[in-house]
Amino acid sequence: MINIKNKKLIVILLTFVLITTVFTGCIEKKKENNKEDSKENQEVSKLYPLTVEDGFGNKVKFEKEPMKIISLAPSHTEILYSLGVGSKVIGNTTYCDYPKEAKKVTKIGDAQNVNLEKIIELSPDLVIQYGEGKKEVNKGIKAAGIKLLSYEPESIDEVLNVIKELGDVTNSRRKAKILTVELGAKKDYIIGKVKDEKQVKVFYEIWHEPLRAAGPGSFVDELITLAGGENIAKDAKGKYPKFDFEQLIERNPEIYLTANDLKSKTAESIKSREGYEAIKAVKDDKVYLLDGNMLSRPGPRIVDALELVARKLHPEAFKK
């Protein structure tokens, strides 16, 4: 029989073996983590310096990863958060309200008027704007030694390209690749769902007085087309042209879409407008109010917007 002293010795030895095993495991795990960190640092060092060409042909060189970013457009803000770098956004506009974290960020103006002094005061590494911006603001940003990128994507594919490029710039290339693949696959799925459906005539109201439509070259125009519709304002002049009421009646849309941007605007208020009773969409009760931000912002939710439109145009296609 094993005496008490031997039992104690066995317990001590087993405890020692267990502690040694755990300790060794921790060391090995730490080595693995250090290897991963080292690999990641090497990848970052290989990525920079990096030169990119923005949407307007401006070449910008980044010596290192930008850690403080100001976004001057809701769509760019949404892209940055979707890439997992929202914590780097130190300033944005009053229109940047998605995701909810973006509301808490310092506001430096709206889409049309930005506070240059505030931008310089925040001392960002990078400012991303929508469109070419104002010359005096651009000049001030560059004079302060701040990197400036400008984008104005006009299609879903161009949005995906912006996501890829900002993924490169912000050291979130892997996330950008995953996101663009997912969005591209979802886009193809939606298009595949409606490709055999009969085209329906669609009107998208931008404004009522005077009546304005989503015309050629606008995001909504592309969404309508990809969703299996025919935009009755596709031959109008400009992205958001005035549209005669007589034309509206003559072209007689089967689906009437608009944004839910005003409390006073409802499907019932639209249907009750003088003369609208002659429109097929009104007769068939196919006047729909959609999320205007989702449809108008060229960011990661644009494919969700495509699905939203497709389901209104061809609800039966998604029941198959």
Protein backbone atom coordinates (compact mmCIF):
# COMPACT_ATOMS: atom_id res chain seq x y z
CA MET A 1 0.00 0.00 0.00
CA ILE A 2 1.06 3.56 -0.69
CA ASN A 3 1.70 5.41 2.58
CA ILE A 4 0.58 8.99 3.27
CA LYS A 5 4.03 10.45 2.55
CA ASN A 6 4.12 8.82 -0.88
CA LYS A 7 0.61 10.09 -1.61
CA LYS A 8 1.68 13.64 -0.78
CA LEU A 9 4.73 13.26 -3.01
CA ILE A 10 2.58 12.06 -5.92
CA VAL A 11 0.20 15.01 -5.49
CA ILE A 12 3.11 17.46 -5.43
CA LEU A 13 4.64 15.90 -8.56
CA LEU A 14 1.31 15.95 -10.43
CA THR A 15 0.74 19.58 -9.46
CA PHE A 16 4.24 20.47 -10.66
CA VAL A 17 3.65 18.72 -14.00
CA LEU A 18 0.31 20.51 -14.44
CA ILE A 19 1.77 23.94 -13.67
CA THR A 20 4.73 23.30 -15.96
CA THR A 21 2.41 22.22 -18.79
CA VAL A 22 0.18 25.28 -18.40
CA PHE A 23 3.18 27.60 -18.14
CA THR A 24 4.78 26.06 -21.23
CA GLY A 25 1.48 26.38 -23.07
CA CYS A 26 1.26 30.05 -22.14
CA ILE A 27 4.79 30.64 -23.39
CA GLU A 28 4.02 28.88 -26.67
CA LYS A 29 0.78 30.86 -27.01
CA LYS A 30 2.67 34.09 -26.37
CA LYS A 31 5.23 33.10 -29.00
CA GLU A 32 2.41 32.44 -31.47
CA ASN A 33 0.82 35.82 -30.68
CA ASN A 34 4.19 37.54 -31.06
CA LYS A 35 4.64 35.82 -34.42
CA GLU A 36 1.19 37.02 -35.51
CA ASP A 37 1.94 40.57 -34.32
CA SER A 38 5.30 40.49 -36.10
CA LYS A 39 3.65 39.20 -39.28
CA GLU A 40 0.99 41.92 -39.08
CA ASN A 41 3.62 44.61 -38.54
CA GLN A 42 5.57 43.30 -41.53
CA GLU A 43 2.43 43.42 -43.66
CA VAL A 44 1.79 47.03 -42.60
CA SER A 45 5.39 48.00 -43.33
CA LYS A 46 5.04 46.45 -46.78
CA LEU A 47 1.79 48.35 -47.42
CA TYR A 48 3.30 51.77 -46.74
CA PRO A 49 4.44 53.98 -48.32
CA LEU A 50 1.30 53.79 -50.43
CA THR A 51 0.19 55.99 -53.31
CA VAL A 52 -3.47 56.04 -54.34
CA GLU A 53 -5.40 57.89 -57.02
CA ASP A 54 -8.74 59.23 -55.85
CA GLY A 55 -11.96 59.58 -57.85
CA PHE A 56 -10.77 62.76 -59.53
CA GLY A 57 -7.31 61.59 -60.55
CA ASN A 58 -5.45 63.18 -57.63
CA LYS A 59 -2.48 61.07 -56.53
CA VAL A 60 -1.89 61.05 -52.79
CA LYS A 61 1.06 59.38 -51.04
CA PHE A 62 0.75 57.90 -47.55
CA GLU A 63 3.99 57.27 -45.69
CA LYS A 64 2.13 55.53 -42.88
CA GLU A 65 -1.33 54.44 -41.80
CA PRO A 66 -3.65 57.43 -41.11
CA MET A 67 -4.81 57.24 -37.49
CA LYS A 68 -7.07 60.32 -37.39
CA ILE A 69 -9.66 60.77 -40.14
CA ILE A 70 -12.33 63.36 -40.93
CA SER A 71 -15.20 62.33 -43.21
CA LEU A 72 -17.12 65.03 -45.07
CA ALA A 73 -19.91 62.76 -46.34
CA PRO A 74 -22.35 60.30 -44.73
CA SER A 75 -21.52 57.66 -47.35
CA HIS A 76 -17.78 57.84 -46.60
CA THR A 77 -18.53 57.69 -42.88
CA GLU A 78 -20.57 54.51 -43.38
CA ILE A 79 -17.76 52.96 -45.41
CA LEU A 80 -15.18 53.68 -42.71
CA TYR A 81 -17.33 52.12 -40.00
CA SER A 82 -18.05 49.08 -42.18
CA LEU A 83 -14.28 48.63 -42.57
CA GLY A 84 -13.90 48.56 -38.79
CA VAL A 85 -12.00 51.85 -38.55
CA GLY A 86 -14.80 53.99 -37.14
CA SER A 87 -12.70 54.65 -34.03
CA LYS A 88 -10.29 56.61 -36.23
CA VAL A 89 -13.01 59.04 -37.33
CA ILE A 90 -12.49 62.19 -35.24
CA GLY A 91 -14.79 64.47 -37.24
CA ASN A 92 -17.75 64.26 -39.62
CA THR A 93 -20.78 66.22 -40.82
CA THR A 94 -24.19 66.89 -39.28
CA TYR A 95 -25.67 64.48 -41.83
CA CYS A 96 -23.48 61.59 -40.64
CA ASP A 97 -26.03 59.70 -38.56
CA TYR A 98 -25.30 56.05 -39.38
CA PRO A 99 -24.21 53.96 -37.63
CA LYS A 100 -25.39 55.50 -34.36
CA GLU A 101 -21.78 55.87 -33.14
CA ALA A 102 -21.23 58.43 -35.90
CA LYS A 103 -23.68 60.81 -34.22
CA LYS A 104 -21.33 61.23 -31.25
CA VAL A 105 -18.36 62.37 -33.35
CA THR A 106 -17.35 66.05 -33.50
CA LYS A 107 -19.29 67.88 -36.22
CA ILE A 108 -17.39 70.15 -38.57
CA GLY A 109 -20.31 71.41 -40.70
CA ASP A 110 -22.65 69.97 -43.31
CA ALA A 111 -22.22 68.73 -46.87
CA GLN A 112 -22.12 72.24 -48.34
CA ASN A 113 -20.38 74.23 -45.62
CA VAL A 114 -17.50 72.86 -43.60
CA ASN A 115 -15.53 74.65 -40.91
CA LEU A 116 -11.95 74.75 -42.18
CA GLU A 117 -10.63 76.15 -38.91
CA LYS A 118 -12.22 73.27 -37.01
CA ILE A 119 -10.69 70.74 -39.40
CA ILE A 120 -7.21 72.19 -38.92
CA GLU A 121 -7.76 72.40 -35.15
CA LEU A 122 -8.56 68.67 -34.99
CA SER A 123 -5.30 67.97 -36.86
CA PRO A 124 -6.35 64.87 -38.82
CA ASP A 125 -4.02 62.75 -40.92
CA LEU A 126 -6.65 62.42 -43.64
CA VAL A 127 -9.81 64.18 -44.86
CA ILE A 128 -12.18 62.34 -47.22
CA GLN A 129 -14.75 64.41 -49.09
CA TYR A 130 -17.62 63.80 -51.52
CA GLY A 131 -17.08 65.46 -54.88
CA GLU A 132 -14.29 67.88 -55.63
CA GLY A 133 -15.21 70.22 -52.78
CA LYS A 134 -14.52 73.95 -52.58
CA LYS A 135 -11.18 75.20 -53.85
CA GLU A 136 -10.47 77.42 -50.84
CA VAL A 137 -11.23 74.58 -48.41
CA ASN A 138 -9.08 72.12 -50.38
CA LYS A 139 -6.25 74.64 -50.46
CA GLY A 140 -6.46 75.20 -46.71
CA ILE A 141 -6.48 71.47 -45.94
CA LYS A 142 -3.43 70.80 -48.11
CA ALA A 143 -1.60 73.86 -46.77
CA ALA A 144 -1.98 72.41 -43.27
CA GLY A 145 -0.19 69.26 -44.42
CA ILE A 146 -3.34 67.14 -44.27
CA LYS A 147 -3.96 64.40 -46.85
CA LEU A 148 -7.14 64.89 -48.92
CA LEU A 149 -9.05 62.27 -50.91
CA SER A 150 -12.12 63.02 -53.05
CA TYR A 151 -14.68 60.51 -54.32
CA GLU A 152 -18.04 60.71 -56.07
CA PRO A 153 -19.03 57.17 -57.11
CA GLU A 154 -21.96 57.00 -59.54
CA SER A 155 -22.72 53.28 -59.54
CA ILE A 156 -22.66 50.27 -57.23
CA ASP A 157 -19.47 49.01 -58.87
CA GLU A 158 -17.80 52.38 -58.28
CA VAL A 159 -18.87 52.24 -54.63
CA LEU A 160 -17.15 48.85 -54.33
CA ASN A 161 -13.99 50.36 -55.81
CA VAL A 162 -14.05 53.19 -53.25
CA ILE A 163 -14.44 50.62 -50.46
CA LYS A 164 -11.40 48.72 -51.78
CA GLU A 165 -9.28 51.86 -52.03
CA LEU A 166 -10.20 53.12 -48.57
CA GLY A 167 -9.45 49.62 -47.33
CA ASP A 168 -5.92 50.01 -48.68
CA VAL A 169 -5.47 53.49 -47.25
CA THR A 170 -6.74 52.61 -43.76
CA ASN A 171 -4.91 49.28 -43.46
CA SER A 172 -8.17 47.32 -43.59
CA ARG A 173 -7.59 45.63 -46.93
CA ARG A 174 -8.73 42.19 -45.73
CA LYS A 175 -12.01 43.56 -44.37
CA ALA A 176 -12.56 45.53 -47.59
CA LYS A 177 -12.08 42.41 -49.68
CA ILE A 178 -14.57 40.41 -47.61
CA LEU A 179 -17.10 43.25 -47.69
CA THR A 180 -16.89 43.87 -51.44
CA VAL A 181 -17.18 40.15 -52.21
CA GLU A 182 -20.28 39.91 -50.01
CA LEU A 183 -21.87 43.02 -51.52
CA GLY A 184 -21.08 41.89 -55.06
CA ALA A 185 -22.59 38.46 -54.41
CA LYS A 186 -25.74 39.98 -52.93
CA LYS A 187 -26.07 42.34 -55.89
CA ASP A 188 -25.82 39.41 -58.32
CA TYR A 189 -28.37 37.43 -56.29
CA ILE A 190 -30.92 40.27 -56.43
CA ILE A 191 -30.41 40.84 -60.16
CA GLY A 192 -30.79 37.11 -60.74
CA LYS A 193 -34.08 37.11 -58.87
CA VAL A 194 -35.70 39.72 -61.13
CA LYS A 195 -33.98 39.13 -64.47
CA ASP A 196 -36.89 37.14 -65.94
CA GLU A 197 -39.60 39.47 -64.63
CA LYS A 198 -41.46 41.88 -66.90
CA GLN A 199 -40.11 45.43 -66.67
CA VAL A 200 -42.39 47.84 -64.83
CA LYS A 201 -42.53 51.60 -65.38
CA VAL A 202 -41.27 53.50 -62.34
CA PHE A 203 -41.19 57.13 -61.23
CA TYR A 204 -39.03 58.30 -58.32
CA GLU A 205 -40.01 61.64 -56.83
CA ILE A 206 -37.15 63.72 -55.46
CA TRP A 207 -39.30 66.77 -54.70
CA HIS A 208 -42.93 67.74 -55.17
CA GLU A 209 -43.08 71.52 -55.71
CA PRO A 210 -41.74 71.79 -58.30
CA LEU A 211 -41.87 68.12 -59.24
CA ARG A 212 -38.36 66.66 -59.58
CA ALA A 213 -37.38 63.16 -60.62
CA ALA A 214 -34.40 60.86 -60.27
CA GLY A 215 -32.94 61.17 -63.75
CA PRO A 216 -30.18 59.46 -65.74
CA GLY A 217 -26.86 59.02 -63.96
CA SER A 218 -28.39 59.10 -60.49
CA PHE A 219 -28.04 56.21 -58.08
CA VAL A 220 -31.78 55.71 -58.01
CA ASP A 221 -31.85 55.41 -61.81
CA GLU A 222 -29.34 52.55 -61.64
CA LEU A 223 -31.21 50.90 -58.78
CA ILE A 224 -34.48 51.01 -60.71
CA THR A 225 -32.85 49.49 -63.80
CA LEU A 226 -31.02 46.72 -61.90
CA ALA A 227 -34.19 45.96 -59.94
CA GLY A 228 -36.10 45.21 -63.14
CA GLY A 229 -37.75 48.55 -63.73
CA GLU A 230 -37.82 51.26 -66.38
CA ASN A 231 -37.24 54.76 -65.06
CA ILE A 232 -39.75 56.98 -66.92
CA ALA A 233 -37.36 59.92 -66.38
CA LYS A 234 -34.37 58.09 -67.90
CA ASP A 235 -34.21 60.51 -70.85
CA ALA A 236 -34.52 63.69 -68.79
CA LYS A 237 -31.68 66.21 -68.62
CA GLY A 238 -29.63 65.96 -65.45
CA LYS A 239 -29.56 63.64 -62.47
CA TYR A 240 -32.42 65.35 -60.65
CA PRO A 241 -34.39 67.28 -63.28
CA LYS A 242 -37.71 69.07 -63.08
CA PHE A 243 -40.41 66.81 -64.46
CA ASP A 244 -43.65 68.12 -65.98
CA PHE A 245 -46.88 66.86 -64.48
CA GLU A 246 -48.19 66.33 -68.02
CA GLN A 247 -45.23 64.01 -68.70
CA LEU A 248 -45.97 62.11 -65.52
CA ILE A 249 -49.58 61.53 -66.58
CA GLU A 250 -48.58 60.66 -70.15
CA ARG A 251 -45.91 58.13 -69.14
CA ASN A 252 -48.22 56.72 -66.46
CA PRO A 253 -45.87 54.87 -64.05
CA GLU A 254 -46.94 51.55 -62.58
CA ILE A 255 -44.85 52.12 -59.45
CA TYR A 256 -44.43 55.50 -57.69
CA LEU A 257 -41.46 55.75 -55.32
CA THR A 258 -40.21 58.53 -53.08
CA ALA A 259 -38.25 59.02 -49.85
CA ASN A 260 -39.71 59.08 -46.36
CA ASP A 261 -37.93 62.37 -45.69
CA LEU A 262 -40.88 64.52 -44.55
CA LYS A 263 -43.45 63.79 -41.86
CA SER A 264 -46.12 65.47 -43.98
CA LYS A 265 -45.40 63.18 -46.93
CA THR A 266 -47.32 59.91 -46.90
CA ALA A 267 -48.62 57.54 -49.54
CA GLU A 268 -52.12 58.90 -48.88
CA SER A 269 -51.06 62.55 -49.24
CA ILE A 270 -49.43 61.75 -52.59
CA LYS A 271 -52.43 59.81 -53.88
CA SER A 272 -54.75 62.66 -52.92
CA ARG A 273 -52.90 65.27 -55.02
CA GLU A 274 -54.97 66.86 -57.75
CA GLY A 275 -54.83 64.86 -60.98
CA TYR A 276 -52.92 61.93 -59.46
CA GLU A 277 -55.99 59.71 -59.57
CA ALA A 278 -55.23 59.16 -63.27
CA ILE A 279 -51.86 57.52 -62.54
CA LYS A 280 -51.80 53.71 -62.66
CA ALA A 281 -49.57 53.47 -59.56
CA VAL A 282 -52.18 55.42 -57.61
CA LYS A 283 -55.07 53.34 -58.97
CA ASP A 284 -53.27 50.11 -58.04
CA ASP A 285 -52.16 51.41 -54.62
CA LYS A 286 -48.47 51.10 -55.51
CA VAL A 287 -47.14 54.34 -54.05
CA TYR A 288 -44.23 53.53 -51.74
CA LEU A 289 -42.08 55.59 -49.37
CA LEU A 290 -38.56 54.22 -48.94
CA ASP A 291 -35.54 54.99 -46.76
CA GLY A 292 -34.14 58.04 -48.54
CA ASN A 293 -30.74 57.89 -46.84
CA MET A 294 -30.22 54.29 -47.88
CA LEU A 295 -31.11 55.06 -51.50
CA SER A 296 -29.11 58.26 -51.83
CA ARG A 297 -25.87 57.39 -50.03
CA PRO A 298 -23.26 55.62 -52.17
CA GLY A 299 -21.97 53.48 -49.35
CA PRO A 300 -22.14 49.89 -48.09
CA ARG A 301 -25.94 49.97 -47.70
CA ILE A 302 -26.51 50.69 -51.40
CA VAL A 303 -27.00 46.96 -52.14
CA ASP A 304 -29.62 46.81 -49.38
CA ALA A 305 -31.29 49.72 -51.19
CA LEU A 306 -31.25 47.68 -54.41
CA GLU A 307 -33.05 44.85 -52.64
CA LEU A 308 -35.56 47.30 -51.16
CA VAL A 309 -36.43 48.64 -54.62
CA ALA A 310 -36.49 45.17 -56.21
CA ARG A 311 -38.94 43.88 -53.60
CA LYS A 312 -41.30 46.78 -54.31
CA LEU A 313 -41.09 46.33 -58.08
CA HIS A 314 -41.28 42.53 -58.12
CA PRO A 315 -42.46 41.18 -54.75
CA GLU A 316 -43.54 37.91 -56.36
CA ALA A 317 -39.96 37.17 -57.49
CA PHE A 318 -38.81 36.88 -53.88
CA LYS A 319 -41.54 34.41 -52.97
CA LYS A 320 -40.23 31.78 -55.37
